[in-house]
C-alpha atoms as a PDB file:
ATOM      1  CA  MET A   1      -0.063   0.068   0.077  1.00  0.00           C
ATOM      2  CA  LEU A   2       1.208   3.420  -0.888  1.00  0.00           C
ATOM      3  CA  VAL A   3       0.651   6.235   1.736  1.00  0.00           C
ATOM      4  CA  VAL A   4       0.064   9.554   0.310  1.00  0.00           C
ATOM      5  CA  ALA A   5       0.072  13.040   2.038  1.00  0.00           C
ATOM      6  CA  ALA A   6       0.543  16.634   1.064  1.00  0.00           C
ATOM      7  CA  THR A   7       3.510  17.231   3.310  1.00  0.00           C
ATOM      8  CA  GLN A   8       6.544  15.609   4.514  1.00  0.00           C
ATOM      9  CA  ARG A   9       5.411  16.429   8.197  1.00  0.00           C
ATOM     10  CA  GLU A  10       2.271  14.114   7.649  1.00  0.00           C
ATOM     11  CA  LEU A  11       4.358  11.207   6.116  1.00  0.00           C
ATOM     12  CA  ALA A  12       6.947  11.715   8.892  1.00  0.00           C
ATOM     13  CA  LEU A  13       4.647   9.689  11.078  1.00  0.00           C
ATOM     14  CA  LEU A  14       5.135   6.521   9.381  1.00  0.00           C
ATOM     15  CA  ASP A  15       8.110   4.160   9.680  1.00  0.00           C
ATOM     16  CA  GLY A  16       8.734   1.565   7.142  1.00  0.00           C
ATOM     17  CA  ALA A  17       5.715   2.330   4.791  1.00  0.00           C
ATOM     18  CA  ASP A  18       5.852   2.935   1.348  1.00  0.00           C
ATOM     19  CA  THR A  19       5.191   6.802   1.167  1.00  0.00           C
ATOM     20  CA  PHE A  20       4.671   9.518  -1.314  1.00  0.00           C
ATOM     21  CA  CYS A  21       4.326  13.397  -0.905  1.00  0.00           C
ATOM     22  CA  CYS A  22       1.824  14.574  -3.470  1.00  0.00           C
ATOM     23  CA  GLY A  23       2.134  18.368  -2.468  1.00  0.00           C
ATOM     24  CA  ILE A  24      -0.622  20.865  -1.436  1.00  0.00           C
ATOM     25  CA  GLY A  25      -3.761  21.519  -3.486  1.00  0.00           C
ATOM     26  CA  PRO A  26      -6.014  19.523  -5.681  1.00  0.00           C
ATOM     27  CA  VAL A  27      -3.964  20.050  -8.928  1.00  0.00           C
ATOM     28  CA  GLU A  28      -0.712  19.239  -7.615  1.00  0.00           C
ATOM     29  CA  ALA A  29      -2.136  16.278  -5.858  1.00  0.00           C
ATOM     30  CA  ALA A  30      -3.773  14.822  -8.555  1.00  0.00           C
ATOM     31  CA  LEU A  31      -0.879  15.026 -11.121  1.00  0.00           C
ATOM     32  CA  GLN A  32       1.843  14.027  -8.490  1.00  0.00           C
ATOM     33  CA  THR A  33      -0.354  11.082  -7.368  1.00  0.00           C
ATOM     34  CA  ALA A  34      -0.975   9.799 -11.107  1.00  0.00           C
ATOM     35  CA  ARG A  35       2.737  10.174 -11.645  1.00  0.00           C
ATOM     36  CA  ALA A  36       3.354   8.138  -8.604  1.00  0.00           C
ATOM     37  CA  ILE A  37       0.826   5.420  -9.361  1.00  0.00           C
ATOM     38  CA  GLU A  38       2.383   5.051 -12.898  1.00  0.00           C
ATOM     39  CA  GLU A  39       5.779   4.704 -11.271  1.00  0.00           C
ATOM     40  CA  ARG A  40       5.270   2.587  -8.500  1.00  0.00           C
ATOM     41  CA  ARG A  41       1.965   0.666  -9.310  1.00  0.00           C
ATOM     42  CA  PRO A  42       0.611   0.266  -5.658  1.00  0.00           C
ATOM     43  CA  ASP A  43      -2.049  -2.257  -4.928  1.00  0.00           C
ATOM     44  CA  ALA A  44      -3.910   0.601  -2.846  1.00  0.00           C
ATOM     45  CA  VAL A  45      -3.584   4.097  -1.674  1.00  0.00           C
ATOM     46  CA  LEU A  46      -4.137   5.501   1.756  1.00  0.00           C
ATOM     47  CA  HIS A  47      -4.401   9.300   1.568  1.00  0.00           C
ATOM     48  CA  VAL A  48      -3.690  10.921   5.023  1.00  0.00           C
ATOM     49  CA  GLY A  49      -3.535  14.366   6.482  1.00  0.00           C
ATOM     50  CA  ILE A  50      -5.004  16.884   8.581  1.00  0.00           C
ATOM     51  CA  ALA A  51      -8.157  18.904   7.711  1.00  0.00           C
ATOM     52  CA  GLY A  52     -10.473  21.654   8.781  1.00  0.00           C
ATOM     53  CA  ALA A  53     -14.191  20.964   9.938  1.00  0.00           C
ATOM     54  CA  HIS A  54     -17.162  22.825  11.158  1.00  0.00           C
ATOM     55  CA  GLY A  55     -18.717  21.564  14.361  1.00  0.00           C
ATOM     56  CA  ILE A  56     -16.335  18.862  14.735  1.00  0.00           C
ATOM     57  CA  GLU A  57     -13.669  19.116  17.590  1.00  0.00           C
ATOM     58  CA  PRO A  58     -10.161  18.635  17.037  1.00  0.00           C
ATOM     59  CA  PRO A  59      -8.627  16.204  16.752  1.00  0.00           C
ATOM     60  CA  ALA A  60     -11.323  13.953  15.609  1.00  0.00           C
ATOM     61  CA  LEU A  61     -10.600  11.203  12.867  1.00  0.00           C
ATOM     62  CA  VAL A  62     -12.551  11.329   9.609  1.00  0.00           C
ATOM     63  CA  LEU A  63     -12.527   8.694   6.905  1.00  0.00           C
ATOM     64  CA  GLY A  64     -14.028  10.080   3.691  1.00  0.00           C
ATOM     65  CA  SER A  65     -17.450   8.517   2.297  1.00  0.00           C
ATOM     66  CA  GLU A  66     -16.746  10.639  -0.689  1.00  0.00           C
ATOM     67  CA  ALA A  67     -14.291  13.299  -1.784  1.00  0.00           C
ATOM     68  CA  VAL A  68     -16.248  16.604  -3.278  1.00  0.00           C
ATOM     69  CA  TYR A  69     -14.411  18.856  -5.561  1.00  0.00           C
ATOM     70  CA  CYS A  70     -16.105  22.135  -4.419  1.00  0.00           C
ATOM     71  CA  ASP A  71     -13.957  24.223  -6.669  1.00  0.00           C
ATOM     72  CA  VAL A  72     -15.898  22.994  -9.778  1.00  0.00           C
ATOM     73  CA  ILE A  73     -19.365  22.954  -8.407  1.00  0.00           C
ATOM     74  CA  ASP A  74     -21.824  25.451 -10.187  1.00  0.00           C
ATOM     75  CA  PRO A  75     -25.398  24.565  -9.631  1.00  0.00           C
ATOM     76  CA  GLY A  76     -26.307  26.982 -12.500  1.00  0.00           C
ATOM     77  CA  SER A  77     -24.148  25.069 -15.012  1.00  0.00           C
ATOM     78  CA  THR A  78     -25.301  22.563 -17.543  1.00  0.00           C
ATOM     79  CA  LEU A  79     -21.737  21.498 -18.667  1.00  0.00           C
ATOM     80  CA  PRO A  80     -20.959  18.000 -17.399  1.00  0.00           C
ATOM     81  CA  ARG A  81     -18.205  17.743 -14.973  1.00  0.00           C
ATOM     82  CA  VAL A  82     -16.618  15.173 -12.231  1.00  0.00           C
ATOM     83  CA  GLU A  83     -17.116  16.656  -8.879  1.00  0.00           C
ATOM     84  CA  ARG A  84     -17.026  13.616  -6.645  1.00  0.00           C
ATOM     85  CA  ALA A  85     -14.635  10.647  -6.033  1.00  0.00           C
ATOM     86  CA  HIS A  86     -15.511   7.712  -3.997  1.00  0.00           C
ATOM     87  CA  PRO A  87     -13.215   5.497  -1.741  1.00  0.00           C
ATOM     88  CA  ASP A  88     -13.037   1.956  -2.400  1.00  0.00           C
ATOM     89  CA  ALA A  89     -15.752   0.194  -0.248  1.00  0.00           C
ATOM     90  CA  ALA A  90     -13.823  -2.683   0.982  1.00  0.00           C
ATOM     91  CA  LEU A  91     -10.816  -0.574   1.995  1.00  0.00           C
ATOM     92  CA  LEU A  92     -13.122   1.782   3.773  1.00  0.00           C
ATOM     93  CA  GLU A  93     -14.593  -1.033   5.608  1.00  0.00           C
ATOM     94  CA  ARG A  94     -11.329  -2.258   6.699  1.00  0.00           C
ATOM     95  CA  LEU A  95     -10.325   1.156   7.980  1.00  0.00           C
ATOM     96  CA  ARG A  96     -13.662   1.625   9.661  1.00  0.00           C
ATOM     97  CA  ALA A  97     -13.082  -1.696  11.601  1.00  0.00           C
ATOM     98  CA  ALA A  98      -9.539  -0.587  12.510  1.00  0.00           C
ATOM     99  CA  LEU A  99     -10.704   2.906  13.583  1.00  0.00           C
ATOM    100  CA  PRO A 100     -14.333   2.673  14.965  1.00  0.00           C
ATOM    101  CA  GLU A 101     -14.200   6.020  16.428  1.00  0.00           C
ATOM    102  CA  ALA A 102     -13.764   7.828  13.153  1.00  0.00           C
ATOM    103  CA  LEU A 103     -16.470   9.594  11.734  1.00  0.00           C
ATOM    104  CA  VAL A 104     -17.405   8.701   8.146  1.00  0.00           C
ATOM    105  CA  LEU A 105     -18.308  11.811   6.075  1.00  0.00           C
ATOM    106  CA  PRO A 106     -17.956  13.430   2.766  1.00  0.00           C
ATOM    107  CA  ILE A 107     -14.724  15.557   2.554  1.00  0.00           C
ATOM    108  CA  ALA A 108     -14.608  18.727   0.556  1.00  0.00           C
ATOM    109  CA  THR A 109     -11.566  19.439  -1.574  1.00  0.00           C
ATOM    110  CA  CYS A 110     -11.073  23.206  -2.219  1.00  0.00           C
ATOM    111  CA  GLY A 111      -8.204  25.108  -3.157  1.00  0.00           C
ATOM    112  CA  ARG A 112      -8.536  27.668  -0.207  1.00  0.00           C
ATOM    113  CA  VAL A 113      -9.264  27.488   3.353  1.00  0.00           C
ATOM    114  CA  GLY A 114     -13.101  28.155   3.789  1.00  0.00           C
ATOM    115  CA  GLY A 115     -13.997  26.994   0.285  1.00  0.00           C
ATOM    116  CA  GLY A 116     -15.659  23.704   1.141  1.00  0.00           C
ATOM    117  CA  SER A 117     -18.810  25.404   2.018  1.00  0.00           C
ATOM    118  CA  GLY A 118     -21.896  23.067   2.287  1.00  0.00           C
ATOM    119  CA  TYR A 119     -19.639  20.300   3.973  1.00  0.00           C
ATOM    120  CA  ASP A 120     -18.446  19.700   7.435  1.00  0.00           C
ATOM    121  CA  VAL A 121     -14.928  18.588   6.685  1.00  0.00           C
ATOM    122  CA  GLU A 122     -12.471  20.234   4.205  1.00  0.00           C
ATOM    123  CA  ALA A 123      -8.985  19.635   2.926  1.00  0.00           C
ATOM    124  CA  MET A 124      -7.147  20.452  -0.220  1.00  0.00           C
ATOM    125  CA  GLU A 125      -6.083  17.333  -1.788  1.00  0.00           C
ATOM    126  CA  GLY A 126      -8.512  14.398  -1.390  1.00  0.00           C
ATOM    127  CA  PHE A 127     -10.404  14.715  -4.638  1.00  0.00           C
ATOM    128  CA  GLY A 128      -7.101  14.768  -6.582  1.00  0.00           C
ATOM    129  CA  VAL A 129      -5.809  11.727  -5.033  1.00  0.00           C
ATOM    130  CA  LEU A 130      -9.019   9.767  -5.013  1.00  0.00           C
ATOM    131  CA  ARG A 131      -9.673  10.716  -8.797  1.00  0.00           C
ATOM    132  CA  ALA A 132      -6.199   9.682  -9.960  1.00  0.00           C
ATOM    133  CA  CYS A 133      -6.616   6.460  -8.089  1.00  0.00           C
ATOM    134  CA  GLU A 134      -9.993   5.898  -9.598  1.00  0.00           C
ATOM    135  CA  LEU A 135      -8.788   6.558 -13.185  1.00  0.00           C
ATOM    136  CA  ALA A 136      -5.918   4.150 -12.727  1.00  0.00           C
ATOM    137  CA  GLY A 137      -8.037   1.409 -11.066  1.00  0.00           C
ATOM    138  CA  VAL A 138      -6.106   1.644  -7.840  1.00  0.00           C
ATOM    139  CA  PRO A 139      -8.474   1.149  -4.489  1.00  0.00           C
ATOM    140  CA  ALA A 140      -7.934   4.265  -2.314  1.00  0.00           C
ATOM    141  CA  VAL A 141      -9.361   5.897   0.786  1.00  0.00           C
ATOM    142  CA  GLU A 142      -8.971   9.206   2.565  1.00  0.00           C
ATOM    143  CA  LEU A 143      -8.317   9.474   6.396  1.00  0.00           C
ATOM    144  CA  ARG A 144      -7.905  13.010   7.994  1.00  0.00           C
ATOM    145  CA  ALA A 145      -7.378  14.219  11.574  1.00  0.00           C
ATOM    146  CA  ILE A 146      -9.363  17.558  12.298  1.00  0.00           C
ATOM    147  CA  SER A 147      -6.894  20.288  13.154  1.00  0.00           C
ATOM    148  CA  ASN A 148      -9.224  23.437  13.036  1.00  0.00           C
ATOM    149  CA  SER A 149     -12.285  25.265  12.155  1.00  0.00           C
ATOM    150  CA  PRO A 150     -11.844  26.854   8.792  1.00  0.00           C
ATOM    151  CA  ALA A 151     -13.842  29.854  10.176  1.00  0.00           C
ATOM    152  CA  GLU A 152     -11.162  30.421  12.766  1.00  0.00           C
ATOM    153  CA  PRO A 153      -8.805  33.087  11.391  1.00  0.00           C
ATOM    154  CA  ASP A 154      -6.316  32.978  14.200  1.00  0.00           C
ATOM    155  CA  ARG A 155      -4.192  30.310  12.976  1.00  0.00           C
ATOM    156  CA  THR A 156      -2.332  30.126  16.300  1.00  0.00           C
ATOM    157  CA  LYS A 157      -5.634  28.462  17.724  1.00  0.00           C
ATOM    158  CA  TRP A 158      -5.495  25.682  15.057  1.00  0.00           C
ATOM    159  CA  ARG A 159      -4.589  22.557  16.679  1.00  0.00           C
ATOM    160  CA  PHE A 160      -1.869  21.156  14.306  1.00  0.00           C
ATOM    161  CA  ASP A 161       0.115  19.091  16.989  1.00  0.00           C
ATOM    162  CA  ASP A 162      -3.029  17.511  18.414  1.00  0.00           C
ATOM    163  CA  ALA A 163      -4.184  16.491  14.856  1.00  0.00           C
ATOM    164  CA  PHE A 164      -0.798  15.166  13.924  1.00  0.00           C
ATOM    165  CA  ALA A 165      -0.660  13.190  17.214  1.00  0.00           C
ATOM    166  CA  ALA A 166      -4.212  11.818  16.533  1.00  0.00           C
ATOM    167  CA  LEU A 167      -2.941  10.745  12.975  1.00  0.00           C
ATOM    168  CA  ALA A 168       0.104   9.118  14.131  1.00  0.00           C
ATOM    169  CA  ASP A 169      -1.825   7.041  16.618  1.00  0.00           C
ATOM    170  CA  ALA A 170      -4.448   5.971  14.104  1.00  0.00           C
ATOM    171  CA  LEU A 171      -1.803   5.003  11.562  1.00  0.00           C
ATOM    172  CA  LYS A 172      -0.013   2.842  14.197  1.00  0.00           C
ATOM    173  CA  ARG A 173      -3.550   0.770  14.560  1.00  0.00           C
ATOM    174  CA  LEU A 174      -4.098   0.305  10.964  1.00  0.00           C
ATOM    175  CA  ASP A 175      -3.328  -3.208   9.769  1.00  0.00           C
ATOM    176  CA  VAL A 176      -3.337  -2.164   6.179  1.00  0.00           C
ATOM    177  CA  LEU A 177       0.225  -0.773   6.105  1.00  0.00           C
END
């Protein structure tokens, strides 16, 4: 299994796992993940990282029931577009069994903080990673630890250390690595 994250700090939580840093943002994540899949040909991908959430206290864990690309949603448009990517059902169930406390919710993907309006959880890379995996036929799932509310403008109040600790604990408990 290939573990993908946007930053080296998120990947530093893993020892001995096959990891890849996809970069920050939906476009970079999609392009770099597609490249990694082509080069490494993993059996599955676990996308991990921290996220913001409305009404969910840090450092809660969230497994993505789907990744929604909010930057392309336009209710008034009639042009077809892909705005959702879904995790592999069997892989999601394996992670749910290993992390029973994790919430299972849609995770908004957006290029800016606060851009995931209409969703409780938002991050910047999930759709790009999951969509690249879908197109390559590689099972994937997204796991996030909540660090903040996107509505909190004072980033010194964001709980990065708590979220990283929760993510590290969750990764130690997974039998998929």
